[in-house]
C-alpha atoms as a PDB file:
ATOM      1  CA  MET A   1      -5.804   6.037   2.513  1.00  0.00           C
ATOM      2  CA  PRO A   2      -4.774   2.490   1.530  1.00  0.00           C
ATOM      3  CA  GLU A   3      -1.697   1.318   3.413  1.00  0.00           C
ATOM      4  CA  MET A   4       0.986  -1.154   2.383  1.00  0.00           C
ATOM      5  CA  PRO A   5      -0.817  -4.387   3.382  1.00  0.00           C
ATOM      6  CA  GLU A   6      -3.888  -3.316   1.406  1.00  0.00           C
ATOM      7  CA  VAL A   7      -1.781  -2.441  -1.636  1.00  0.00           C
ATOM      8  CA  GLU A   8      -0.025  -5.811  -1.350  1.00  0.00           C
ATOM      9  CA  VAL A   9      -3.404  -7.563  -1.355  1.00  0.00           C
ATOM     10  CA  VAL A  10      -4.315  -5.687  -4.553  1.00  0.00           C
ATOM     11  CA  ARG A  11      -0.921  -6.540  -6.066  1.00  0.00           C
ATOM     12  CA  ARG A  12      -1.452 -10.241  -5.485  1.00  0.00           C
ATOM     13  CA  GLN A  13      -4.919 -10.123  -6.997  1.00  0.00           C
ATOM     14  CA  LEU A  14      -3.805  -8.216 -10.086  1.00  0.00           C
ATOM     15  CA  GLU A  15      -0.762 -10.451 -10.572  1.00  0.00           C
ATOM     16  CA  LYS A  16      -3.057 -13.471 -10.883  1.00  0.00           C
ATOM     17  CA  HIS A  17      -5.331 -11.823 -13.424  1.00  0.00           C
ATOM     18  CA  ILE A  18      -3.420  -9.459 -15.715  1.00  0.00           C
ATOM     19  CA  CYS A  19      -0.032 -11.114 -16.226  1.00  0.00           C
ATOM     20  CA  GLY A  20       0.242 -12.576 -19.718  1.00  0.00           C
ATOM     21  CA  ARG A  21      -2.617 -10.477 -21.099  1.00  0.00           C
ATOM     22  CA  LYS A  22      -2.140  -8.300 -24.161  1.00  0.00           C
ATOM     23  CA  VAL A  23      -3.181  -4.649 -23.982  1.00  0.00           C
ATOM     24  CA  GLU A  24      -5.322  -3.929 -27.016  1.00  0.00           C
ATOM     25  CA  GLU A  25      -6.169  -0.332 -26.145  1.00  0.00           C
ATOM     26  CA  VAL A  26      -5.735   2.218 -23.370  1.00  0.00           C
ATOM     27  CA  VAL A  27      -8.392   4.878 -22.838  1.00  0.00           C
ATOM     28  CA  VAL A  28      -7.349   7.918 -20.805  1.00  0.00           C
ATOM     29  CA  ARG A  29     -10.381   9.767 -19.472  1.00  0.00           C
ATOM     30  CA  HIS A  30      -8.458  12.312 -17.383  1.00  0.00           C
ATOM     31  CA  PRO A  31      -4.954  13.439 -18.395  1.00  0.00           C
ATOM     32  CA  LYS A  32      -3.893  14.374 -14.847  1.00  0.00           C
ATOM     33  CA  ILE A  33      -3.499  10.693 -13.911  1.00  0.00           C
ATOM     34  CA  VAL A  34      -0.902  10.208 -16.693  1.00  0.00           C
ATOM     35  CA  ARG A  35       0.622  13.685 -16.454  1.00  0.00           C
ATOM     36  CA  HIS A  36       4.151  12.239 -16.335  1.00  0.00           C
ATOM     37  CA  SER A  37       3.570   9.953 -19.334  1.00  0.00           C
ATOM     38  CA  PRO A  38       1.505  11.705 -22.016  1.00  0.00           C
ATOM     39  CA  HIS A  39       2.292   8.908 -24.507  1.00  0.00           C
ATOM     40  CA  ILE A  40       1.091   6.077 -22.278  1.00  0.00           C
ATOM     41  CA  VAL A  41      -1.440   4.901 -24.885  1.00  0.00           C
ATOM     42  CA  GLU A  42       1.253   4.359 -27.517  1.00  0.00           C
ATOM     43  CA  ASP A  43       3.661   2.964 -24.922  1.00  0.00           C
ATOM     44  CA  LEU A  44       1.247   0.200 -23.861  1.00  0.00           C
ATOM     45  CA  ARG A  45      -0.797  -0.628 -26.959  1.00  0.00           C
ATOM     46  CA  GLY A  46       0.082  -4.133 -28.147  1.00  0.00           C
ATOM     47  CA  LYS A  47       2.263  -4.855 -25.109  1.00  0.00           C
ATOM     48  CA  TYR A  48       1.836  -7.405 -22.309  1.00  0.00           C
ATOM     49  CA  PHE A  49       1.786  -7.077 -18.549  1.00  0.00           C
ATOM     50  CA  ILE A  50       4.252  -9.734 -17.359  1.00  0.00           C
ATOM     51  CA  SER A  51       4.721  -8.900 -13.665  1.00  0.00           C
ATOM     52  CA  VAL A  52       3.265  -6.864 -10.798  1.00  0.00           C
ATOM     53  CA  GLU A  53       5.680  -5.790  -8.046  1.00  0.00           C
ATOM     54  CA  ARG A  54       5.380  -3.414  -5.107  1.00  0.00           C
ATOM     55  CA  ILE A  55       7.606  -1.349  -2.879  1.00  0.00           C
ATOM     56  CA  GLY A  56       5.982   0.608  -0.084  1.00  0.00           C
ATOM     57  CA  LYS A  57       2.619   1.620  -1.528  1.00  0.00           C
ATOM     58  CA  LEU A  58       3.942   1.894  -5.092  1.00  0.00           C
ATOM     59  CA  LEU A  59       2.750  -0.736  -7.575  1.00  0.00           C
ATOM     60  CA  THR A  60       5.151  -1.500 -10.420  1.00  0.00           C
ATOM     61  CA  PHE A  61       3.868  -3.285 -13.530  1.00  0.00           C
ATOM     62  CA  GLY A  62       6.394  -5.031 -15.782  1.00  0.00           C
ATOM     63  CA  ILE A  63       5.734  -4.526 -19.509  1.00  0.00           C
ATOM     64  CA  ALA A  64       7.112  -6.386 -22.540  1.00  0.00           C
ATOM     65  CA  ARG A  65       6.352  -6.997 -26.224  1.00  0.00           C
ATOM     66  CA  SER A  66       5.940 -10.728 -25.607  1.00  0.00           C
ATOM     67  CA  LYS A  67       4.269 -12.537 -22.725  1.00  0.00           C
ATOM     68  CA  SER A  68       7.110 -15.059 -22.716  1.00  0.00           C
ATOM     69  CA  THR A  69       9.716 -12.366 -22.013  1.00  0.00           C
ATOM     70  CA  LYS A  70      11.338 -12.953 -18.635  1.00  0.00           C
ATOM     71  CA  GLN A  71      12.638  -9.441 -17.946  1.00  0.00           C
ATOM     72  CA  PRO A  72      10.366  -6.394 -18.391  1.00  0.00           C
ATOM     73  CA  GLU A  73      11.428  -3.931 -21.084  1.00  0.00           C
ATOM     74  CA  THR A  74       9.647  -1.015 -19.425  1.00  0.00           C
ATOM     75  CA  TYR A  75       7.548  -0.478 -16.311  1.00  0.00           C
ATOM     76  CA  MET A  76       4.358   1.314 -15.341  1.00  0.00           C
ATOM     77  CA  LEU A  77       4.404   2.837 -11.881  1.00  0.00           C
ATOM     78  CA  GLY A  78       0.984   3.086 -10.268  1.00  0.00           C
ATOM     79  CA  HIS A  79       0.074   4.803  -7.009  1.00  0.00           C
ATOM     80  CA  LEU A  80      -3.396   4.792  -5.450  1.00  0.00           C
ATOM     81  CA  LYS A  81      -2.649   7.767  -3.154  1.00  0.00           C
ATOM     82  CA  MET A  82      -5.809   8.613  -1.167  1.00  0.00           C
ATOM     83  CA  THR A  83      -8.729   7.500  -3.338  1.00  0.00           C
ATOM     84  CA  GLY A  84      -7.344   5.264  -6.085  1.00  0.00           C
ATOM     85  CA  GLN A  85      -8.779   1.881  -7.062  1.00  0.00           C
ATOM     86  CA  PHE A  86      -7.711  -0.865  -9.465  1.00  0.00           C
ATOM     87  CA  ILE A  87     -10.553  -3.149 -10.552  1.00  0.00           C
ATOM     88  CA  PHE A  88     -10.128  -5.986 -13.040  1.00  0.00           C
ATOM     89  CA  VAL A  89     -13.273  -7.168 -14.809  1.00  0.00           C
ATOM     90  CA  GLU A  90     -13.689 -10.338 -16.842  1.00  0.00           C
ATOM     91  CA  ASP A  91     -17.229 -11.518 -17.619  1.00  0.00           C
ATOM     92  CA  GLN A  92     -18.971 -11.467 -14.221  1.00  0.00           C
ATOM     93  CA  GLN A  93     -15.794 -11.577 -12.130  1.00  0.00           C
ATOM     94  CA  LYS A  94     -14.562  -8.347 -10.540  1.00  0.00           C
ATOM     95  CA  VAL A  95     -11.253  -8.358  -8.680  1.00  0.00           C
ATOM     96  CA  GLY A  96      -9.196  -5.606  -7.114  1.00  0.00           C
ATOM     97  CA  GLY A  97      -9.346  -3.011  -4.419  1.00  0.00           C
ATOM     98  CA  GLY A  98      -8.476   0.452  -3.314  1.00  0.00           C
ATOM     99  CA  HIS A  99     -10.162   3.276  -1.466  1.00  0.00           C
ATOM    100  CA  SER A 100     -13.330   2.209   0.425  1.00  0.00           C
ATOM    101  CA  MET A 101     -15.821   0.850  -2.054  1.00  0.00           C
ATOM    102  CA  THR A 102     -19.577   0.690  -2.452  1.00  0.00           C
ATOM    103  CA  GLU A 103     -21.715  -1.218  -4.913  1.00  0.00           C
ATOM    104  CA  SER A 104     -21.774   1.821  -7.238  1.00  0.00           C
ATOM    105  CA  ASP A 105     -18.021   1.433  -7.757  1.00  0.00           C
ATOM    106  CA  PHE A 106     -18.758  -1.709  -9.759  1.00  0.00           C
ATOM    107  CA  GLU A 107     -20.965   0.048 -12.283  1.00  0.00           C
ATOM    108  CA  LEU A 108     -17.975   0.490 -14.581  1.00  0.00           C
ATOM    109  CA  PRO A 109     -16.922   2.741 -16.087  1.00  0.00           C
ATOM    110  CA  HIS A 110     -18.277   5.535 -13.885  1.00  0.00           C
ATOM    111  CA  ARG A 111     -17.529   9.234 -13.374  1.00  0.00           C
ATOM    112  CA  HIS A 112     -14.391   8.508 -11.330  1.00  0.00           C
ATOM    113  CA  THR A 113     -12.929   6.065 -13.865  1.00  0.00           C
ATOM    114  CA  ARG A 114      -9.760   7.753 -15.125  1.00  0.00           C
ATOM    115  CA  VAL A 115      -7.972   5.111 -17.218  1.00  0.00           C
ATOM    116  CA  MET A 116      -9.159   1.874 -18.828  1.00  0.00           C
ATOM    117  CA  PHE A 117      -6.882  -0.907 -20.062  1.00  0.00           C
ATOM    118  CA  HIS A 118      -8.748  -3.078 -22.566  1.00  0.00           C
ATOM    119  CA  PHE A 119      -7.187  -6.499 -23.143  1.00  0.00           C
ATOM    120  CA  SER A 120      -7.342  -8.460 -26.388  1.00  0.00           C
ATOM    121  CA  ASP A 121      -9.437 -11.204 -24.759  1.00  0.00           C
ATOM    122  CA  GLY A 122     -12.197  -8.789 -23.726  1.00  0.00           C
ATOM    123  CA  ALA A 123     -11.173  -8.246 -20.084  1.00  0.00           C
ATOM    124  CA  THR A 124     -10.613  -4.724 -18.750  1.00  0.00           C
ATOM    125  CA  LEU A 125      -8.548  -3.178 -15.959  1.00  0.00           C
ATOM    126  CA  TYR A 126     -10.012   0.057 -14.564  1.00  0.00           C
ATOM    127  CA  PHE A 127      -8.138   2.723 -12.633  1.00  0.00           C
ATOM    128  CA  ASN A 128     -10.543   4.916 -10.651  1.00  0.00           C
ATOM    129  CA  ASP A 129      -9.582   7.927  -8.566  1.00  0.00           C
ATOM    130  CA  MET A 130     -12.125  10.351  -7.150  1.00  0.00           C
ATOM    131  CA  ARG A 131      -9.657  13.055  -6.022  1.00  0.00           C
ATOM    132  CA  LEU A 132      -7.106  12.664  -8.853  1.00  0.00           C
ATOM    133  CA  PHE A 133      -4.092  12.362  -6.529  1.00  0.00           C
ATOM    134  CA  GLY A 134      -3.012   8.990  -7.922  1.00  0.00           C
ATOM    135  CA  PHE A 135      -0.824   8.519 -10.978  1.00  0.00           C
ATOM    136  CA  LEU A 136       0.335   6.119 -13.677  1.00  0.00           C
ATOM    137  CA  GLN A 137       3.783   6.613 -15.185  1.00  0.00           C
ATOM    138  CA  ILE A 138       5.867   4.721 -17.744  1.00  0.00           C
ATOM    139  CA  VAL A 139       9.544   4.407 -16.804  1.00  0.00           C
ATOM    140  CA  THR A 140      12.663   2.635 -18.034  1.00  0.00           C
ATOM    141  CA  PRO A 141      14.347  -0.084 -15.945  1.00  0.00           C
ATOM    142  CA  LYS A 142      16.980   2.461 -14.833  1.00  0.00           C
ATOM    143  CA  GLU A 143      14.318   4.964 -13.813  1.00  0.00           C
ATOM    144  CA  LYS A 144      12.456   2.251 -11.945  1.00  0.00           C
ATOM    145  CA  GLY A 145      15.671   1.409 -10.079  1.00  0.00           C
ATOM    146  CA  ARG A 146      16.202   5.030  -9.079  1.00  0.00           C
ATOM    147  CA  VAL A 147      12.642   5.329  -7.776  1.00  0.00           C
ATOM    148  CA  TRP A 148      12.875   2.103  -5.773  1.00  0.00           C
ATOM    149  CA  ALA A 149      16.203   3.233  -4.292  1.00  0.00           C
ATOM    150  CA  THR A 150      14.434   6.157  -2.585  1.00  0.00           C
ATOM    151  CA  TYR A 151      12.511   3.769  -0.317  1.00  0.00           C
ATOM    152  CA  GLY A 152      13.856   2.604   3.026  1.00  0.00           C
ATOM    153  CA  ILE A 153      14.016  -0.877   4.509  1.00  0.00           C
ATOM    154  CA  GLU A 154      10.682  -2.687   4.463  1.00  0.00           C
ATOM    155  CA  PRO A 155       9.154  -5.369   6.704  1.00  0.00           C
ATOM    156  CA  GLY A 156       8.996  -8.581   4.719  1.00  0.00           C
ATOM    157  CA  ARG A 157      11.971  -7.777   2.460  1.00  0.00           C
ATOM    158  CA  GLU A 158      15.545  -9.055   2.755  1.00  0.00           C
ATOM    159  CA  ASN A 159      16.814  -5.604   3.786  1.00  0.00           C
ATOM    160  CA  TYR A 160      14.619  -5.680   6.905  1.00  0.00           C
ATOM    161  CA  THR A 161      17.195  -6.959   9.396  1.00  0.00           C
ATOM    162  CA  LEU A 162      17.709  -6.049  13.032  1.00  0.00           C
ATOM    163  CA  GLU A 163      21.053  -4.497  12.146  1.00  0.00           C
ATOM    164  CA  ASN A 164      19.499  -2.249   9.499  1.00  0.00           C
ATOM    165  CA  PHE A 165      16.554  -1.437  11.759  1.00  0.00           C
ATOM    166  CA  LEU A 166      18.773  -0.298  14.621  1.00  0.00           C
ATOM    167  CA  GLN A 167      20.738   1.833  12.163  1.00  0.00           C
ATOM    168  CA  ILE A 168      17.725   4.052  11.342  1.00  0.00           C
ATOM    169  CA  PHE A 169      17.685   5.345  14.939  1.00  0.00           C
ATOM    170  CA  LYS A 170      21.260   6.606  14.920  1.00  0.00           C
ATOM    171  CA  ASN A 171      21.787  10.372  15.230  1.00  0.00           C
ATOM    172  CA  ARG A 172      18.058  11.095  15.138  1.00  0.00           C
ATOM    173  CA  LYS A 173      16.063  13.145  17.633  1.00  0.00           C
ATOM    174  CA  THR A 174      12.612  13.066  16.053  1.00  0.00           C
ATOM    175  CA  SER A 175       9.618  11.265  17.556  1.00  0.00           C
ATOM    176  CA  LEU A 176       9.212   7.536  17.084  1.00  0.00           C
ATOM    177  CA  LYS A 177       6.033   7.889  15.023  1.00  0.00           C
ATOM    178  CA  ALA A 178       7.551  10.498  12.723  1.00  0.00           C
ATOM    179  CA  LEU A 179      10.537   8.211  12.120  1.00  0.00           C
ATOM    180  CA  LEU A 180       8.456   5.109  11.403  1.00  0.00           C
ATOM    181  CA  LEU A 181       6.239   7.055   8.975  1.00  0.00           C
ATOM    182  CA  ASN A 182       9.262   8.283   6.997  1.00  0.00           C
ATOM    183  CA  GLN A 183       9.138   6.160   3.832  1.00  0.00           C
ATOM    184  CA  LYS A 184      12.722   7.041   2.939  1.00  0.00           C
ATOM    185  CA  VAL A 185      13.857   5.395   6.173  1.00  0.00           C
ATOM    186  CA  ILE A 186      11.432   2.504   6.546  1.00  0.00           C
ATOM    187  CA  SER A 187       8.881   1.932   3.813  1.00  0.00           C
ATOM    188  CA  GLY A 188       5.386   0.513   4.046  1.00  0.00           C
ATOM    189  CA  LEU A 189       4.436   1.476   7.582  1.00  0.00           C
ATOM    190  CA  GLY A 190       1.412   3.754   7.722  1.00  0.00           C
ATOM    191  CA  ASN A 191      -0.593   5.418  10.446  1.00  0.00           C
ATOM    192  CA  ILE A 192      -2.595   2.388  11.548  1.00  0.00           C
ATOM    193  CA  TYR A 193       0.336   0.009  11.705  1.00  0.00           C
ATOM    194  CA  VAL A 194       2.692   2.380  13.505  1.00  0.00           C
ATOM    195  CA  ASP A 195       0.133   2.802  16.297  1.00  0.00           C
ATOM    196  CA  GLU A 196      -0.379  -0.955  16.477  1.00  0.00           C
ATOM    197  CA  ALA A 197       3.347  -1.776  16.502  1.00  0.00           C
ATOM    198  CA  CYS A 198       4.012   0.822  19.215  1.00  0.00           C
ATOM    199  CA  HIS A 199       1.235  -0.593  21.379  1.00  0.00           C
ATOM    200  CA  ARG A 200       2.512  -4.139  21.009  1.00  0.00           C
ATOM    201  CA  SER A 201       5.986  -2.876  21.916  1.00  0.00           C
ATOM    202  CA  GLN A 202       4.641  -0.951  24.959  1.00  0.00           C
ATOM    203  CA  VAL A 203       6.207   2.281  23.691  1.00  0.00           C
ATOM    204  CA  ARG A 204       4.413   5.585  23.152  1.00  0.00           C
ATOM    205  CA  PRO A 205       4.449   6.833  19.538  1.00  0.00           C
ATOM    206  CA  GLN A 206       5.426  10.339  20.690  1.00  0.00           C
ATOM    207  CA  ARG A 207       8.614   9.196  22.452  1.00  0.00           C
ATOM    208  CA  ARG A 208      11.857  10.758  21.191  1.00  0.00           C
ATOM    209  CA  VAL A 209      13.827   8.091  19.376  1.00  0.00           C
ATOM    210  CA  ASN A 210      17.029   8.894  21.265  1.00  0.00           C
ATOM    211  CA  SER A 211      15.264   7.926  24.523  1.00  0.00           C
ATOM    212  CA  LEU A 212      14.502   4.359  23.423  1.00  0.00           C
ATOM    213  CA  THR A 213      16.450   1.465  24.895  1.00  0.00           C
ATOM    214  CA  LYS A 214      17.914  -1.306  22.747  1.00  0.00           C
ATOM    215  CA  THR A 215      15.327  -3.712  24.149  1.00  0.00           C
ATOM    216  CA  GLU A 216      12.495  -1.381  23.116  1.00  0.00           C
ATOM    217  CA  LYS A 217      13.969  -1.046  19.616  1.00  0.00           C
ATOM    218  CA  GLU A 218      14.236  -4.814  19.322  1.00  0.00           C
ATOM    219  CA  ARG A 219      10.581  -5.196  20.307  1.00  0.00           C
ATOM    220  CA  LEU A 220       9.644  -2.611  17.701  1.00  0.00           C
ATOM    221  CA  PHE A 221      11.675  -4.441  15.053  1.00  0.00           C
ATOM    222  CA  HIS A 222       9.691  -7.642  15.567  1.00  0.00           C
ATOM    223  CA  ASN A 223       6.306  -5.978  16.014  1.00  0.00           C
ATOM    224  CA  CYS A 224       6.580  -3.685  12.983  1.00  0.00           C
ATOM    225  CA  ARG A 225       7.184  -6.766  10.863  1.00  0.00           C
ATOM    226  CA  ASP A 226       4.581  -8.956  12.552  1.00  0.00           C
ATOM    227  CA  VAL A 227       1.727  -6.473  12.400  1.00  0.00           C
ATOM    228  CA  MET A 228       2.313  -5.903   8.675  1.00  0.00           C
ATOM    229  CA  MET A 229       2.515  -9.603   7.822  1.00  0.00           C
ATOM    230  CA  GLU A 230      -0.588 -10.390   9.890  1.00  0.00           C
ATOM    231  CA  SER A 231      -2.537  -7.636   8.154  1.00  0.00           C
ATOM    232  CA  ILE A 232      -1.587  -8.952   4.714  1.00  0.00           C
ATOM    233  CA  GLU A 233      -2.647 -12.445   5.818  1.00  0.00           C
ATOM    234  CA  HIS A 234      -6.048 -11.123   6.907  1.00  0.00           C
ATOM    235  CA  GLY A 235      -6.624  -9.094   3.748  1.00  0.00           C
ATOM    236  CA  GLY A 236      -5.791  -5.612   5.003  1.00  0.00           C
ATOM    237  CA  THR A 237      -7.678  -3.127   7.128  1.00  0.00           C
ATOM    238  CA  THR A 238      -8.745   0.087   5.487  1.00  0.00           C
ATOM    239  CA  PHE A 239     -10.810  -0.834   2.461  1.00  0.00           C
ATOM    240  CA  TYR A 240     -12.665  -3.544   0.625  1.00  0.00           C
ATOM    241  CA  SER A 241     -10.559  -5.929  -1.446  1.00  0.00           C
ATOM    242  CA  PHE A 242     -12.842  -7.869  -3.731  1.00  0.00           C
ATOM    243  CA  VAL A 243     -12.392 -11.438  -4.900  1.00  0.00           C
ATOM    244  CA  SER A 244     -15.766 -11.448  -6.650  1.00  0.00           C
ATOM    245  CA  SER A 245     -18.607  -9.107  -7.422  1.00  0.00           C
ATOM    246  CA  ASP A 246     -20.006  -9.880  -3.954  1.00  0.00           C
ATOM    247  CA  GLY A 247     -16.810  -8.759  -2.250  1.00  0.00           C
ATOM    248  CA  VAL A 248     -14.999  -9.701   0.935  1.00  0.00           C
ATOM    249  CA  LYS A 249     -13.855  -6.999   3.329  1.00  0.00           C
ATOM    250  CA  GLY A 250     -10.282  -6.897   4.590  1.00  0.00           C
ATOM    251  CA  ASN A 251     -10.742  -7.997   8.199  1.00  0.00           C
ATOM    252  CA  PHE A 252      -7.551  -7.111  10.061  1.00  0.00           C
ATOM    253  CA  SER A 253      -9.682  -4.357  11.616  1.00  0.00           C
ATOM    254  CA  GLN A 254     -11.028  -7.076  13.922  1.00  0.00           C
ATOM    255  CA  HIS A 255      -7.501  -7.484  15.329  1.00  0.00           C
ATOM    256  CA  LEU A 256      -6.672  -3.817  15.984  1.00  0.00           C
ATOM    257  CA  GLU A 257      -5.664  -3.193  19.588  1.00  0.00           C
ATOM    258  CA  VAL A 258      -5.553   0.626  19.734  1.00  0.00           C
ATOM    259  CA  PHE A 259      -6.265   2.251  16.374  1.00  0.00           C
ATOM    260  CA  ASP A 260      -9.772   3.756  16.186  1.00  0.00           C
ATOM    261  CA  ARG A 261     -10.479   2.559  19.757  1.00  0.00           C
ATOM    262  CA  ALA A 262     -10.290   5.897  21.590  1.00  0.00           C
ATOM    263  CA  GLY A 263     -12.276   5.764  24.830  1.00  0.00           C
ATOM    264  CA  GLU A 264     -12.351   1.976  24.868  1.00  0.00           C
ATOM    265  CA  PRO A 265     -10.430  -0.169  27.385  1.00  0.00           C
ATOM    266  CA  CYS A 266      -6.920  -1.297  26.508  1.00  0.00           C
ATOM    267  CA  LEU A 267      -6.958  -4.998  25.689  1.00  0.00           C
ATOM    268  CA  ARG A 268      -3.762  -5.459  27.714  1.00  0.00           C
ATOM    269  CA  CYS A 269      -4.385  -3.495  30.925  1.00  0.00           C
ATOM    270  CA  GLY A 270      -7.954  -2.167  30.759  1.00  0.00           C
ATOM    271  CA  TYR A 271      -6.983   1.515  30.871  1.00  0.00           C
ATOM    272  CA  GLU A 272      -8.791   3.873  28.485  1.00  0.00           C
ATOM    273  CA  ILE A 273      -7.221   4.311  25.034  1.00  0.00           C
ATOM    274  CA  GLU A 274      -6.437   7.927  24.167  1.00  0.00           C
ATOM    275  CA  LYS A 275      -6.303   9.678  20.810  1.00  0.00           C
ATOM    276  CA  ILE A 276      -4.098  12.698  20.153  1.00  0.00           C
ATOM    277  CA  LYS A 277      -2.790  14.549  17.123  1.00  0.00           C
ATOM    278  CA  HIS A 278       0.877  13.752  16.606  1.00  0.00           C
ATOM    279  CA  ALA A 279       3.210  13.868  13.594  1.00  0.00           C
ATOM    280  CA  GLY A 280       0.271  15.320  11.699  1.00  0.00           C
ATOM    281  CA  ARG A 281      -1.821  12.181  12.213  1.00  0.00           C
ATOM    282  CA  GLY A 282      -4.477  10.910  14.566  1.00  0.00           C
ATOM    283  CA  THR A 283      -2.525   8.804  17.063  1.00  0.00           C
ATOM    284  CA  HIS A 284      -3.872   6.140  19.437  1.00  0.00           C
ATOM    285  CA  TYR A 285      -2.103   4.732  22.488  1.00  0.00           C
ATOM    286  CA  CYS A 286      -2.580   3.465  26.036  1.00  0.00           C
ATOM    287  CA  PRO A 287      -1.252   5.945  28.640  1.00  0.00           C
ATOM    288  CA  ALA A 288      -0.870   3.175  31.199  1.00  0.00           C
ATOM    289  CA  CYS A 289       1.029   0.331  29.557  1.00  0.00           C
ATOM    290  CA  GLN A 290       2.883   2.307  26.887  1.00  0.00           C
ATOM    291  CA  LYS A 291       5.813   4.223  28.351  1.00  0.00           C
END
């Protein structure tokens, strides 16, 4: 499943290529993707994409009747879920990303293409989703605000302060990993990055949050932020994000210290990395240097 850094990489790519383009036609090939907005074709035809934002893993496209409009009139929410992909095509250039891709994903449209946005200049934005868990939904500015308000503090945003971070631990008895995966408390962190942040902080993911010291929480605050920002800088971890038809793979995987390294030596102390099932997810940690 794409995680926040990967979705942010896609957001940045799409922002460069679709903003200011006029939607000439929308073709819905599977109604489940637009189940919350059955009139999406009429809502978007003749309109412009003027912005692409993100909170957590949720992409939010600003829509207006003029490309010179500063404030979006409506929004399109877009979520990749497990197998979604956004691919923008103009002439021979193909830009975007999503669930792990192969060369066949670029033979567009294909059997997993669910929605196509045709622009007036001949370019096309494709939304593909093999398992149909993703969605596209048109919302008003008020509705967009209510949706965004359900997300917790997020590394990289102004609300991610040490004071706010320490606050999420108060009166909680769950495990550390379960807390950090709770998008209503702290948004954006996914399975890979929680394991990495815990390892950098020398804290086991299965620790009860009420057992953590202030020093350990402070280390987690910095490492949760740093691991996310570093992953964005390196293009993400879990899938291919393409800048051309040749493609460049997100390479933060080369910097992972524990995730997907079960049985290998810890890069800090040399002890063998273990993998367990915790909080419903495969969890990696070092039994020696994480306490």
